[in-house]
PDB file of N, CA and C in Angstrom:
ATOM      1  N   MET A   1     -17.095  -7.288  17.725  1.00  0.00           N
ATOM      2  CA  MET A   1     -15.892  -6.857  17.195  1.00  0.00           C
ATOM      3  C   MET A   1     -15.233  -5.414  17.589  1.00  0.00           C
ATOM      4  N   ALA A   2     -16.143  -4.809  18.460  1.00  0.00           N
ATOM      5  CA  ALA A   2     -15.629  -3.453  18.775  1.00  0.00           C
ATOM      6  C   ALA A   2     -14.772  -3.181  19.711  1.00  0.00           C
ATOM      7  N   PRO A   3     -13.689  -2.714  19.459  1.00  0.00           N
ATOM      8  CA  PRO A   3     -12.587  -2.189  20.375  1.00  0.00           C
ATOM      9  C   PRO A   3     -12.993  -1.160  21.497  1.00  0.00           C
ATOM     10  N   GLY A   4     -12.591  -1.119  22.559  1.00  0.00           N
ATOM     11  CA  GLY A   4     -12.832  -0.043  23.573  1.00  0.00           C
ATOM     12  C   GLY A   4     -11.543   0.578  23.949  1.00  0.00           C
ATOM     13  N   ALA A   5     -11.829   1.773  24.432  1.00  0.00           N
ATOM     14  CA  ALA A   5     -10.741   2.676  25.021  1.00  0.00           C
ATOM     15  C   ALA A   5     -11.424   3.500  26.099  1.00  0.00           C
ATOM     16  N   ASN A   6     -10.894   3.604  27.400  1.00  0.00           N
ATOM     17  CA  ASN A   6     -11.238   4.565  28.476  1.00  0.00           C
ATOM     18  C   ASN A   6      -9.980   5.395  28.667  1.00  0.00           C
ATOM     19  N   ILE A   7     -10.093   6.626  28.234  1.00  0.00           N
ATOM     20  CA  ILE A   7      -8.849   7.212  28.323  1.00  0.00           C
ATOM     21  C   ILE A   7      -9.176   8.586  29.290  1.00  0.00           C
ATOM     22  N   GLY A   8      -8.334   8.726  30.349  1.00  0.00           N
ATOM     23  CA  GLY A   8      -8.460   9.675  31.352  1.00  0.00           C
ATOM     24  C   GLY A   8      -7.077  10.498  31.227  1.00  0.00           C
ATOM     25  N   PRO A   9      -7.001  11.569  32.166  1.00  0.00           N
ATOM     26  CA  PRO A   9      -5.949  12.479  32.269  1.00  0.00           C
ATOM     27  C   PRO A   9      -4.696  11.821  32.752  1.00  0.00           C
ATOM     28  N   ASN A  10      -4.929  10.585  33.595  1.00  0.00           N
ATOM     29  CA  ASN A  10      -3.774   9.911  34.179  1.00  0.00           C
ATOM     30  C   ASN A  10      -3.666   8.514  33.888  1.00  0.00           C
ATOM     31  N   GLY A  11      -4.376   8.153  32.840  1.00  0.00           N
ATOM     32  CA  GLY A  11      -4.113   6.619  32.455  1.00  0.00           C
ATOM     33  C   GLY A  11      -5.103   6.441  31.482  1.00  0.00           C
ATOM     34  N   ALA A  12      -5.004   5.221  30.900  1.00  0.00           N
ATOM     35  CA  ALA A  12      -5.785   4.691  29.798  1.00  0.00           C
ATOM     36  C   ALA A  12      -5.939   3.204  29.809  1.00  0.00           C
ATOM     37  N   VAL A  13      -7.127   2.539  29.422  1.00  0.00           N
ATOM     38  CA  VAL A  13      -7.381   1.121  29.676  1.00  0.00           C
ATOM     39  C   VAL A  13      -8.047   0.997  28.239  1.00  0.00           C
ATOM     40  N   PHE A  14      -7.517  -0.174  27.703  1.00  0.00           N
ATOM     41  CA  PHE A  14      -7.986  -0.595  26.290  1.00  0.00           C
ATOM     42  C   PHE A  14      -8.556  -2.219  26.495  1.00  0.00           C
ATOM     43  N   GLU A  15      -9.755  -2.356  25.973  1.00  0.00           N
ATOM     44  CA  GLU A  15     -10.361  -3.677  26.125  1.00  0.00           C
ATOM     45  C   GLU A  15     -11.475  -3.838  25.252  1.00  0.00           C
ATOM     46  N   ALA A  16     -11.843  -5.052  24.989  1.00  0.00           N
ATOM     47  CA  ALA A  16     -12.885  -5.337  24.150  1.00  0.00           C
ATOM     48  C   ALA A  16     -14.240  -4.963  24.862  1.00  0.00           C
ATOM     49  N   THR A  17     -15.000  -4.443  24.151  1.00  0.00           N
ATOM     50  CA  THR A  17     -16.283  -3.903  24.608  1.00  0.00           C
ATOM     51  C   THR A  17     -17.473  -4.850  25.068  1.00  0.00           C
ATOM     52  N   HIS A  18     -17.096  -6.091  24.694  1.00  0.00           N
ATOM     53  CA  HIS A  18     -18.171  -7.157  24.865  1.00  0.00           C
ATOM     54  C   HIS A  18     -17.765  -7.885  26.233  1.00  0.00           C
ATOM     55  N   GLY A  19     -16.801  -7.534  26.796  1.00  0.00           N
ATOM     56  CA  GLY A  19     -16.577  -8.347  28.156  1.00  0.00           C
ATOM     57  C   GLY A  19     -15.572  -9.478  27.738  1.00  0.00           C
ATOM     58  N   SER A  20     -15.372 -10.258  28.938  1.00  0.00           N
ATOM     59  CA  SER A  20     -14.601 -11.363  28.822  1.00  0.00           C
ATOM     60  C   SER A  20     -15.097 -12.730  28.397  1.00  0.00           C
ATOM     61  N   ALA A  21     -16.237 -12.900  28.425  1.00  0.00           N
ATOM     62  CA  ALA A  21     -17.043 -14.081  28.153  1.00  0.00           C
ATOM     63  C   ALA A  21     -16.380 -15.145  28.557  1.00  0.00           C
ATOM     64  N   PRO A  22     -16.328 -15.422  30.016  1.00  0.00           N
ATOM     65  CA  PRO A  22     -15.648 -16.568  30.594  1.00  0.00           C
ATOM     66  C   PRO A  22     -16.210 -18.024  30.352  1.00  0.00           C
ATOM     67  N   LYS A  23     -17.444 -18.013  29.684  1.00  0.00           N
ATOM     68  CA  LYS A  23     -18.063 -19.368  29.492  1.00  0.00           C
ATOM     69  C   LYS A  23     -17.256 -20.009  28.234  1.00  0.00           C
ATOM     70  N   TYR A  24     -16.279 -19.192  27.297  1.00  0.00           N
ATOM     71  CA  TYR A  24     -15.760 -19.482  26.282  1.00  0.00           C
ATOM     72  C   TYR A  24     -14.247 -19.742  26.619  1.00  0.00           C
ATOM     73  N   LYS A  25     -13.615 -19.411  27.739  1.00  0.00           N
ATOM     74  CA  LYS A  25     -12.459 -19.701  28.187  1.00  0.00           C
ATOM     75  C   LYS A  25     -11.885 -21.236  27.900  1.00  0.00           C
ATOM     76  N   GLY A  26     -10.859 -21.098  27.232  1.00  0.00           N
ATOM     77  CA  GLY A  26     -10.162 -22.445  26.730  1.00  0.00           C
ATOM     78  C   GLY A  26     -10.746 -23.100  25.568  1.00  0.00           C
ATOM     79  N   LEU A  27     -11.715 -22.637  24.951  1.00  0.00           N
ATOM     80  CA  LEU A  27     -12.390 -23.149  23.930  1.00  0.00           C
ATOM     81  C   LEU A  27     -11.651 -23.022  22.500  1.00  0.00           C
ATOM     82  N   ASP A  28     -10.926 -21.827  22.322  1.00  0.00           N
ATOM     83  CA  ASP A  28     -10.127 -21.660  21.090  1.00  0.00           C
ATOM     84  C   ASP A  28     -11.431 -21.256  20.060  1.00  0.00           C
ATOM     85  N   LYS A  29     -12.498 -20.608  20.468  1.00  0.00           N
ATOM     86  CA  LYS A  29     -13.558 -20.277  19.513  1.00  0.00           C
ATOM     87  C   LYS A  29     -13.996 -19.030  19.332  1.00  0.00           C
ATOM     88  N   VAL A  30     -13.654 -18.024  19.971  1.00  0.00           N
ATOM     89  CA  VAL A  30     -14.163 -16.634  20.052  1.00  0.00           C
ATOM     90  C   VAL A  30     -13.164 -15.992  18.961  1.00  0.00           C
ATOM     91  N   ASN A  31     -13.985 -14.861  18.382  1.00  0.00           N
ATOM     92  CA  ASN A  31     -13.353 -14.013  17.565  1.00  0.00           C
ATOM     93  C   ASN A  31     -12.438 -12.938  18.427  1.00  0.00           C
ATOM     94  N   PRO A  32     -11.083 -12.863  18.016  1.00  0.00           N
ATOM     95  CA  PRO A  32     -10.260 -12.099  18.753  1.00  0.00           C
ATOM     96  C   PRO A  32     -10.094 -10.501  18.244  1.00  0.00           C
ATOM     97  N   THR A  33     -11.032 -10.170  17.404  1.00  0.00           N
ATOM     98  CA  THR A  33     -10.885  -9.029  16.635  1.00  0.00           C
ATOM     99  C   THR A  33     -11.000  -7.875  17.655  1.00  0.00           C
ATOM    100  N   ALA A  34     -11.917  -7.925  18.430  1.00  0.00           N
ATOM    101  CA  ALA A  34     -12.037  -6.682  19.491  1.00  0.00           C
ATOM    102  C   ALA A  34     -10.915  -6.580  20.312  1.00  0.00           C
ATOM    103  N   LEU A  35     -10.237  -7.498  20.678  1.00  0.00           N
ATOM    104  CA  LEU A  35      -9.165  -7.420  21.677  1.00  0.00           C
ATOM    105  C   LEU A  35      -7.906  -6.984  20.790  1.00  0.00           C
ATOM    106  N   ILE A  36      -7.694  -7.437  19.707  1.00  0.00           N
ATOM    107  CA  ILE A  36      -6.690  -7.078  18.834  1.00  0.00           C
ATOM    108  C   ILE A  36      -6.863  -5.542  18.481  1.00  0.00           C
ATOM    109  N   LEU A  37      -8.020  -5.212  18.059  1.00  0.00           N
ATOM    110  CA  LEU A  37      -8.465  -3.608  17.641  1.00  0.00           C
ATOM    111  C   LEU A  37      -8.029  -2.824  18.802  1.00  0.00           C
ATOM    112  N   SER A  38      -8.433  -3.231  20.109  1.00  0.00           N
ATOM    113  CA  SER A  38      -8.122  -2.647  21.300  1.00  0.00           C
ATOM    114  C   SER A  38      -6.597  -2.288  21.435  1.00  0.00           C
ATOM    115  N   GLY A  39      -5.902  -3.305  21.034  1.00  0.00           N
ATOM    116  CA  GLY A  39      -4.528  -3.044  20.962  1.00  0.00           C
ATOM    117  C   GLY A  39      -4.138  -1.857  19.960  1.00  0.00           C
ATOM    118  N   MET A  40      -4.860  -1.980  18.831  1.00  0.00           N
ATOM    119  CA  MET A  40      -4.707  -0.832  17.750  1.00  0.00           C
ATOM    120  C   MET A  40      -4.801   0.635  18.375  1.00  0.00           C
ATOM    121  N   LEU A  41      -5.912   0.646  18.997  1.00  0.00           N
ATOM    122  CA  LEU A  41      -6.400   1.939  19.676  1.00  0.00           C
ATOM    123  C   LEU A  41      -5.458   2.323  20.716  1.00  0.00           C
ATOM    124  N   MET A  42      -4.722   1.417  21.511  1.00  0.00           N
ATOM    125  CA  MET A  42      -3.514   1.663  22.353  1.00  0.00           C
ATOM    126  C   MET A  42      -2.328   2.200  21.676  1.00  0.00           C
ATOM    127  N   LEU A  43      -2.110   1.592  20.480  1.00  0.00           N
ATOM    128  CA  LEU A  43      -0.920   2.001  19.645  1.00  0.00           C
ATOM    129  C   LEU A  43      -1.255   3.447  19.135  1.00  0.00           C
ATOM    130  N   ARG A  44      -2.347   3.880  18.764  1.00  0.00           N
ATOM    131  CA  ARG A  44      -2.628   5.027  18.371  1.00  0.00           C
ATOM    132  C   ARG A  44      -2.596   6.197  19.467  1.00  0.00           C
ATOM    133  N   HIS A  45      -3.051   5.728  20.748  1.00  0.00           N
ATOM    134  CA  HIS A  45      -2.850   6.438  21.956  1.00  0.00           C
ATOM    135  C   HIS A  45      -1.398   6.815  22.332  1.00  0.00           C
ATOM    136  N   LEU A  46      -0.614   5.742  21.964  1.00  0.00           N
ATOM    137  CA  LEU A  46       0.792   5.981  22.297  1.00  0.00           C
ATOM    138  C   LEU A  46       1.462   6.697  21.155  1.00  0.00           C
ATOM    139  N   LYS A  47       0.833   7.226  19.911  1.00  0.00           N
ATOM    140  CA  LYS A  47       1.228   7.964  18.774  1.00  0.00           C
ATOM    141  C   LYS A  47       2.107   6.976  17.966  1.00  0.00           C
ATOM    142  N   GLU A  48       1.912   5.678  18.160  1.00  0.00           N
ATOM    143  CA  GLU A  48       2.527   4.636  17.373  1.00  0.00           C
ATOM    144  C   GLU A  48       1.621   4.265  15.902  1.00  0.00           C
ATOM    145  N   PHE A  49       1.583   5.422  15.237  1.00  0.00           N
ATOM    146  CA  PHE A  49       0.495   5.470  14.192  1.00  0.00           C
ATOM    147  C   PHE A  49       0.707   4.394  12.927  1.00  0.00           C
ATOM    148  N   ASP A  50       2.027   4.374  12.630  1.00  0.00           N
ATOM    149  CA  ASP A  50       2.332   3.342  11.585  1.00  0.00           C
ATOM    150  C   ASP A  50       2.054   1.849  11.996  1.00  0.00           C
ATOM    151  N   ALA A  51       2.332   1.636  13.302  1.00  0.00           N
ATOM    152  CA  ALA A  51       2.045   0.209  13.807  1.00  0.00           C
ATOM    153  C   ALA A  51       0.617  -0.173  13.836  1.00  0.00           C
ATOM    154  N   ALA A  52      -0.131   1.065  14.315  1.00  0.00           N
ATOM    155  CA  ALA A  52      -1.683   0.907  14.443  1.00  0.00           C
ATOM    156  C   ALA A  52      -2.345   0.731  13.073  1.00  0.00           C
ATOM    157  N   ASP A  53      -1.810   1.550  12.134  1.00  0.00           N
ATOM    158  CA  ASP A  53      -2.347   1.373  10.782  1.00  0.00           C
ATOM    159  C   ASP A  53      -2.085  -0.008  10.095  1.00  0.00           C
ATOM    160  N   ARG A  54      -0.823  -0.502  10.280  1.00  0.00           N
ATOM    161  CA  ARG A  54      -0.388  -1.795   9.890  1.00  0.00           C
ATOM    162  C   ARG A  54      -1.467  -2.997  10.513  1.00  0.00           C
ATOM    163  N   LEU A  55      -1.606  -2.842  11.879  1.00  0.00           N
ATOM    164  CA  LEU A  55      -2.330  -3.792  12.584  1.00  0.00           C
ATOM    165  C   LEU A  55      -3.838  -3.634  12.116  1.00  0.00           C
ATOM    166  N   GLU A  56      -4.319  -2.499  12.058  1.00  0.00           N
ATOM    167  CA  GLU A  56      -5.725  -2.348  11.465  1.00  0.00           C
ATOM    168  C   GLU A  56      -5.853  -3.035  10.077  1.00  0.00           C
ATOM    169  N   LYS A  57      -5.114  -2.701   9.155  1.00  0.00           N
ATOM    170  CA  LYS A  57      -5.119  -3.222   7.897  1.00  0.00           C
ATOM    171  C   LYS A  57      -4.791  -4.699   7.789  1.00  0.00           C
ATOM    172  N   ALA A  58      -4.103  -5.413   8.726  1.00  0.00           N
ATOM    173  CA  ALA A  58      -3.955  -6.815   8.738  1.00  0.00           C
ATOM    174  C   ALA A  58      -5.292  -7.353   9.101  1.00  0.00           C
ATOM    175  N   VAL A  59      -5.874  -6.743  10.102  1.00  0.00           N
ATOM    176  CA  VAL A  59      -7.091  -7.499  10.582  1.00  0.00           C
ATOM    177  C   VAL A  59      -8.190  -7.320   9.391  1.00  0.00           C
ATOM    178  N   ALA A  60      -8.215  -6.075   8.786  1.00  0.00           N
ATOM    179  CA  ALA A  60      -9.141  -5.882   7.614  1.00  0.00           C
ATOM    180  C   ALA A  60      -8.838  -6.962   6.600  1.00  0.00           C
ATOM    181  N   ASP A  61      -7.606  -7.313   6.193  1.00  0.00           N
ATOM    182  CA  ASP A  61      -7.159  -7.965   5.196  1.00  0.00           C
ATOM    183  C   ASP A  61      -7.745  -9.354   5.554  1.00  0.00           C
ATOM    184  N   VAL A  62      -7.287  -9.928   6.604  1.00  0.00           N
ATOM    185  CA  VAL A  62      -7.729 -11.350   7.028  1.00  0.00           C
ATOM    186  C   VAL A  62      -9.456 -11.590   6.998  1.00  0.00           C
ATOM    187  N   ILE A  63     -10.070 -10.587   7.589  1.00  0.00           N
ATOM    188  CA  ILE A  63     -11.643 -10.608   7.334  1.00  0.00           C
ATOM    189  C   ILE A  63     -12.106 -10.639   5.837  1.00  0.00           C
ATOM    190  N   ALA A  64     -11.511  -9.807   5.156  1.00  0.00           N
ATOM    191  CA  ALA A  64     -11.959  -9.655   3.671  1.00  0.00           C
ATOM    192  C   ALA A  64     -11.675 -11.071   3.116  1.00  0.00           C
ATOM    193  N   GLU A  65     -10.326 -11.693   3.478  1.00  0.00           N
ATOM    194  CA  GLU A  65     -10.173 -12.815   2.570  1.00  0.00           C
ATOM    195  C   GLU A  65     -11.209 -13.997   3.119  1.00  0.00           C
ATOM    196  N   GLY A  66     -11.529 -13.835   4.170  1.00  0.00           N
ATOM    197  CA  GLY A  66     -12.429 -14.869   4.703  1.00  0.00           C
ATOM    198  C   GLY A  66     -12.077 -16.379   5.053  1.00  0.00           C
ATOM    199  N   LYS A  67     -10.686 -16.768   4.756  1.00  0.00           N
ATOM    200  CA  LYS A  67     -10.257 -17.950   5.054  1.00  0.00           C
ATOM    201  C   LYS A  67      -9.935 -18.353   6.558  1.00  0.00           C
ATOM    202  N   TYR A  68      -9.202 -17.432   7.200  1.00  0.00           N
ATOM    203  CA  TYR A  68      -8.931 -17.756   8.502  1.00  0.00           C
ATOM    204  C   TYR A  68      -9.615 -16.940   9.517  1.00  0.00           C
ATOM    205  N   VAL A  69     -11.179 -17.028   9.468  1.00  0.00           N
ATOM    206  CA  VAL A  69     -11.803 -16.450  10.426  1.00  0.00           C
ATOM    207  C   VAL A  69     -12.761 -17.367  11.173  1.00  0.00           C
ATOM    208  N   THR A  70     -13.310 -16.788  12.322  1.00  0.00           N
ATOM    209  CA  THR A  70     -14.024 -17.551  13.277  1.00  0.00           C
ATOM    210  C   THR A  70     -15.349 -17.847  12.784  1.00  0.00           C
ATOM    211  N   TYR A  71     -16.276 -18.686  13.205  1.00  0.00           N
ATOM    212  CA  TYR A  71     -17.472 -19.051  12.858  1.00  0.00           C
ATOM    213  C   TYR A  71     -18.461 -18.005  12.665  1.00  0.00           C
ATOM    214  N   ASP A  72     -18.364 -16.837  13.563  1.00  0.00           N
ATOM    215  CA  ASP A  72     -19.223 -15.791  13.641  1.00  0.00           C
ATOM    216  C   ASP A  72     -19.103 -14.858  12.251  1.00  0.00           C
ATOM    217  N   LEU A  73     -17.866 -14.968  11.483  1.00  0.00           N
ATOM    218  CA  LEU A  73     -17.500 -14.152  10.494  1.00  0.00           C
ATOM    219  C   LEU A  73     -17.684 -14.965   9.208  1.00  0.00           C
ATOM    220  N   LYS A  74     -18.215 -16.204   9.173  1.00  0.00           N
ATOM    221  CA  LYS A  74     -18.674 -17.186   8.061  1.00  0.00           C
ATOM    222  C   LYS A  74     -20.138 -16.876   7.653  1.00  0.00           C
ATOM    223  N   PRO A  75     -20.493 -16.993   6.420  1.00  0.00           N
ATOM    224  CA  PRO A  75     -21.749 -16.783   6.038  1.00  0.00           C
ATOM    225  C   PRO A  75     -22.843 -17.817   6.825  1.00  0.00           C
ATOM    226  N   ASN A  76     -22.305 -19.043   7.038  1.00  0.00           N
ATOM    227  CA  ASN A  76     -23.162 -19.851   7.666  1.00  0.00           C
ATOM    228  C   ASN A  76     -22.191 -20.361   8.966  1.00  0.00           C
ATOM    229  N   ARG A  77     -22.850 -20.229  10.172  1.00  0.00           N
ATOM    230  CA  ARG A  77     -22.255 -20.264  11.449  1.00  0.00           C
ATOM    231  C   ARG A  77     -21.664 -21.748  11.623  1.00  0.00           C
ATOM    232  N   ASP A  78     -22.182 -22.774  10.919  1.00  0.00           N
ATOM    233  CA  ASP A  78     -21.925 -24.038  11.049  1.00  0.00           C
ATOM    234  C   ASP A  78     -20.845 -24.592  10.031  1.00  0.00           C
ATOM    235  N   ASP A  79     -20.316 -23.518   9.167  1.00  0.00           N
ATOM    236  CA  ASP A  79     -19.216 -23.676   8.276  1.00  0.00           C
ATOM    237  C   ASP A  79     -17.901 -24.497   8.965  1.00  0.00           C
ATOM    238  N   PRO A  80     -17.536 -25.640   8.383  1.00  0.00           N
ATOM    239  CA  PRO A  80     -16.637 -26.393   8.794  1.00  0.00           C
ATOM    240  C   PRO A  80     -15.180 -25.677   8.649  1.00  0.00           C
ATOM    241  N   THR A  81     -14.965 -24.738   7.823  1.00  0.00           N
ATOM    242  CA  THR A  81     -13.915 -24.163   7.525  1.00  0.00           C
ATOM    243  C   THR A  81     -13.487 -22.926   8.554  1.00  0.00           C
ATOM    244  N   ALA A  82     -14.402 -22.801   9.422  1.00  0.00           N
ATOM    245  CA  ALA A  82     -14.073 -21.639  10.362  1.00  0.00           C
ATOM    246  C   ALA A  82     -12.907 -22.156  11.306  1.00  0.00           C
ATOM    247  N   VAL A  83     -12.062 -21.192  11.645  1.00  0.00           N
ATOM    248  CA  VAL A  83     -10.996 -21.484  12.492  1.00  0.00           C
ATOM    249  C   VAL A  83     -11.202 -21.111  14.054  1.00  0.00           C
ATOM    250  N   GLY A  84     -10.393 -21.274  14.779  1.00  0.00           N
ATOM    251  CA  GLY A  84     -10.452 -20.935  16.240  1.00  0.00           C
ATOM    252  C   GLY A  84      -9.666 -19.505  16.498  1.00  0.00           C
ATOM    253  N   THR A  85      -9.819 -19.062  17.691  1.00  0.00           N
ATOM    254  CA  THR A  85      -9.394 -17.982  18.169  1.00  0.00           C
ATOM    255  C   THR A  85      -7.875 -17.763  17.812  1.00  0.00           C
ATOM    256  N   SER A  86      -7.039 -18.779  17.997  1.00  0.00           N
ATOM    257  CA  SER A  86      -5.683 -18.674  17.917  1.00  0.00           C
ATOM    258  C   SER A  86      -5.321 -18.836  16.288  1.00  0.00           C
ATOM    259  N   LYS A  87      -6.005 -19.484  15.604  1.00  0.00           N
ATOM    260  CA  LYS A  87      -5.443 -19.489  14.188  1.00  0.00           C
ATOM    261  C   LYS A  87      -5.850 -18.045  13.360  1.00  0.00           C
ATOM    262  N   MET A  88      -6.736 -17.426  13.941  1.00  0.00           N
ATOM    263  CA  MET A  88      -7.377 -16.299  13.434  1.00  0.00           C
ATOM    264  C   MET A  88      -6.261 -15.056  13.780  1.00  0.00           C
ATOM    265  N   ALA A  89      -5.897 -15.439  15.097  1.00  0.00           N
ATOM    266  CA  ALA A  89      -4.787 -14.334  15.653  1.00  0.00           C
ATOM    267  C   ALA A  89      -3.520 -14.574  14.628  1.00  0.00           C
ATOM    268  N   ASP A  90      -3.201 -15.737  14.505  1.00  0.00           N
ATOM    269  CA  ASP A  90      -1.942 -16.182  13.833  1.00  0.00           C
ATOM    270  C   ASP A  90      -2.056 -15.662  12.379  1.00  0.00           C
ATOM    271  N   ALA A  91      -3.183 -15.647  11.829  1.00  0.00           N
ATOM    272  CA  ALA A  91      -3.240 -15.190  10.438  1.00  0.00           C
ATOM    273  C   ALA A  91      -3.101 -13.683  10.351  1.00  0.00           C
ATOM    274  N   ILE A  92      -3.669 -13.065  11.484  1.00  0.00           N
ATOM    275  CA  ILE A  92      -3.356 -11.582  11.709  1.00  0.00           C
ATOM    276  C   ILE A  92      -1.954 -11.077  11.677  1.00  0.00           C
ATOM    277  N   CYS A  93      -1.339 -11.928  12.729  1.00  0.00           N
ATOM    278  CA  CYS A  93       0.064 -11.753  12.789  1.00  0.00           C
ATOM    279  C   CYS A  93       0.877 -11.942  11.606  1.00  0.00           C
ATOM    280  N   ALA A  94       0.588 -12.962  10.817  1.00  0.00           N
ATOM    281  CA  ALA A  94       1.278 -13.345   9.614  1.00  0.00           C
ATOM    282  C   ALA A  94       1.084 -12.131   8.585  1.00  0.00           C
ATOM    283  N   ARG A  95       0.088 -11.442   8.533  1.00  0.00           N
ATOM    284  CA  ARG A  95      -0.124 -10.370   7.743  1.00  0.00           C
ATOM    285  C   ARG A  95       0.683  -9.325   8.115  1.00  0.00           C
ATOM    286  N   LEU A  96       1.113  -9.053   9.200  1.00  0.00           N
ATOM    287  CA  LEU A  96       1.914  -7.985   9.637  1.00  0.00           C
ATOM    288  C   LEU A  96       3.262  -8.191   9.188  1.00  0.00           C
ATOM    289  N   GLY A  97       3.807  -9.359   8.842  1.00  0.00           N
ATOM    290  CA  GLY A  97       5.076  -9.571   8.178  1.00  0.00           C
ATOM    291  C   GLY A  97       5.969  -9.691   9.353  1.00  0.00           C
TER     292      GLY A  97
END
């Protein structure tokens, strides 16, 4: 869930710190939080503080509610109520209003 930022004098790259996880490509299974929060870091870097704060709060609210989260955020990883990547991302977007 850790976002990443590599910021230099002539550019910046924002990415999930865990890498791309190609074995999960197309499975709609992985937690999108690290990549979404990397976007939040980018917004802060661009001095879009209000947008960054709203995005960070939306992520925190979805996780706290626990309804639209991926299997790794459930108390039991076999929880049938876990959602996929896209549904969790959709829930975060919905929180943004």
